[in-house]
């Protein structure tokens, strides 16, 4: 598939794991190429119980 074909094809969904600055930047760039982008990050509880996954 050529670069031109890739740029004109828009896939449905991208998943970014990590809500850091780099993850958010990646999500922004992917938004130009995907209809929907989901960012998944880990929330940590103060007690240090490992955390839960949160999506935005």
Protein backbone atom coordinates (compact mmCIF):
# COMPACT_ATOMS: atom_id res chain seq x y z
CA UNK A 1 0.00 0.00 0.00
CA UNK A 2 1.45 3.34 -1.01
CA UNK A 3 1.75 6.38 1.24
CA UNK A 4 -1.00 8.11 -0.75
CA UNK A 5 -3.37 5.16 -0.19
CA UNK A 6 -2.62 5.18 3.53
CA UNK A 7 -3.28 8.89 3.86
CA UNK A 8 -6.65 8.61 2.12
CA UNK A 9 -7.76 5.55 4.14
CA UNK A 10 -9.27 6.31 7.53
CA UNK A 11 -9.48 3.38 9.95
CA UNK A 12 -12.04 3.15 12.71
CA UNK A 13 -10.27 3.03 16.06
CA UNK A 14 -6.84 3.54 17.62
CA UNK A 15 -5.88 2.71 21.20
CA UNK A 16 -3.12 4.60 23.04
CA UNK A 17 -1.86 3.07 26.28
CA UNK A 18 -0.50 5.75 28.60
CA UNK A 19 -1.85 9.18 29.45
CA UNK A 20 1.49 10.98 29.75
CA UNK A 21 2.39 13.94 27.58
CA UNK A 22 3.81 11.52 25.00
CA UNK A 23 0.64 9.41 25.02
CA UNK A 24 -1.57 12.46 24.56
CA UNK A 25 0.62 13.73 21.74
CA UNK A 26 0.44 10.32 20.06
CA UNK A 27 -3.36 10.39 20.43
CA UNK A 28 -3.51 13.81 18.81
CA UNK A 29 -1.45 12.65 15.83
CA UNK A 30 -3.50 9.45 15.48
CA UNK A 31 -6.71 11.50 15.49
CA UNK A 32 -5.77 12.69 12.01
CA UNK A 33 -5.80 9.09 10.77
CA UNK A 34 -8.51 7.36 12.82
CA UNK A 35 -12.18 8.09 13.34
CA UNK A 36 -11.90 7.43 17.09
CA UNK A 37 -8.92 7.41 19.48
CA UNK A 38 -9.07 6.04 23.04
CA UNK A 39 -6.42 6.85 25.66
CA UNK A 40 -6.07 4.36 28.51
CA UNK A 41 -4.09 5.28 31.62
CA UNK A 42 -3.59 3.79 35.04
CA UNK A 43 -4.95 5.69 38.05
CA UNK A 44 -3.08 5.04 41.27
CA UNK A 45 -4.72 5.09 44.66
CA UNK A 46 -2.78 6.80 47.48
CA UNK A 47 -2.66 3.47 49.36
CA UNK A 48 -0.59 2.01 46.52
CA UNK A 49 -3.00 -0.82 45.67
CA UNK A 50 -1.84 -0.91 42.05
CA UNK A 51 -4.59 1.25 40.61
CA UNK A 52 -7.41 0.89 38.17
CA UNK A 53 -7.60 1.53 34.45
CA UNK A 54 -9.36 4.71 33.36
CA UNK A 55 -10.35 5.64 29.80
CA UNK A 56 -11.10 9.07 28.42
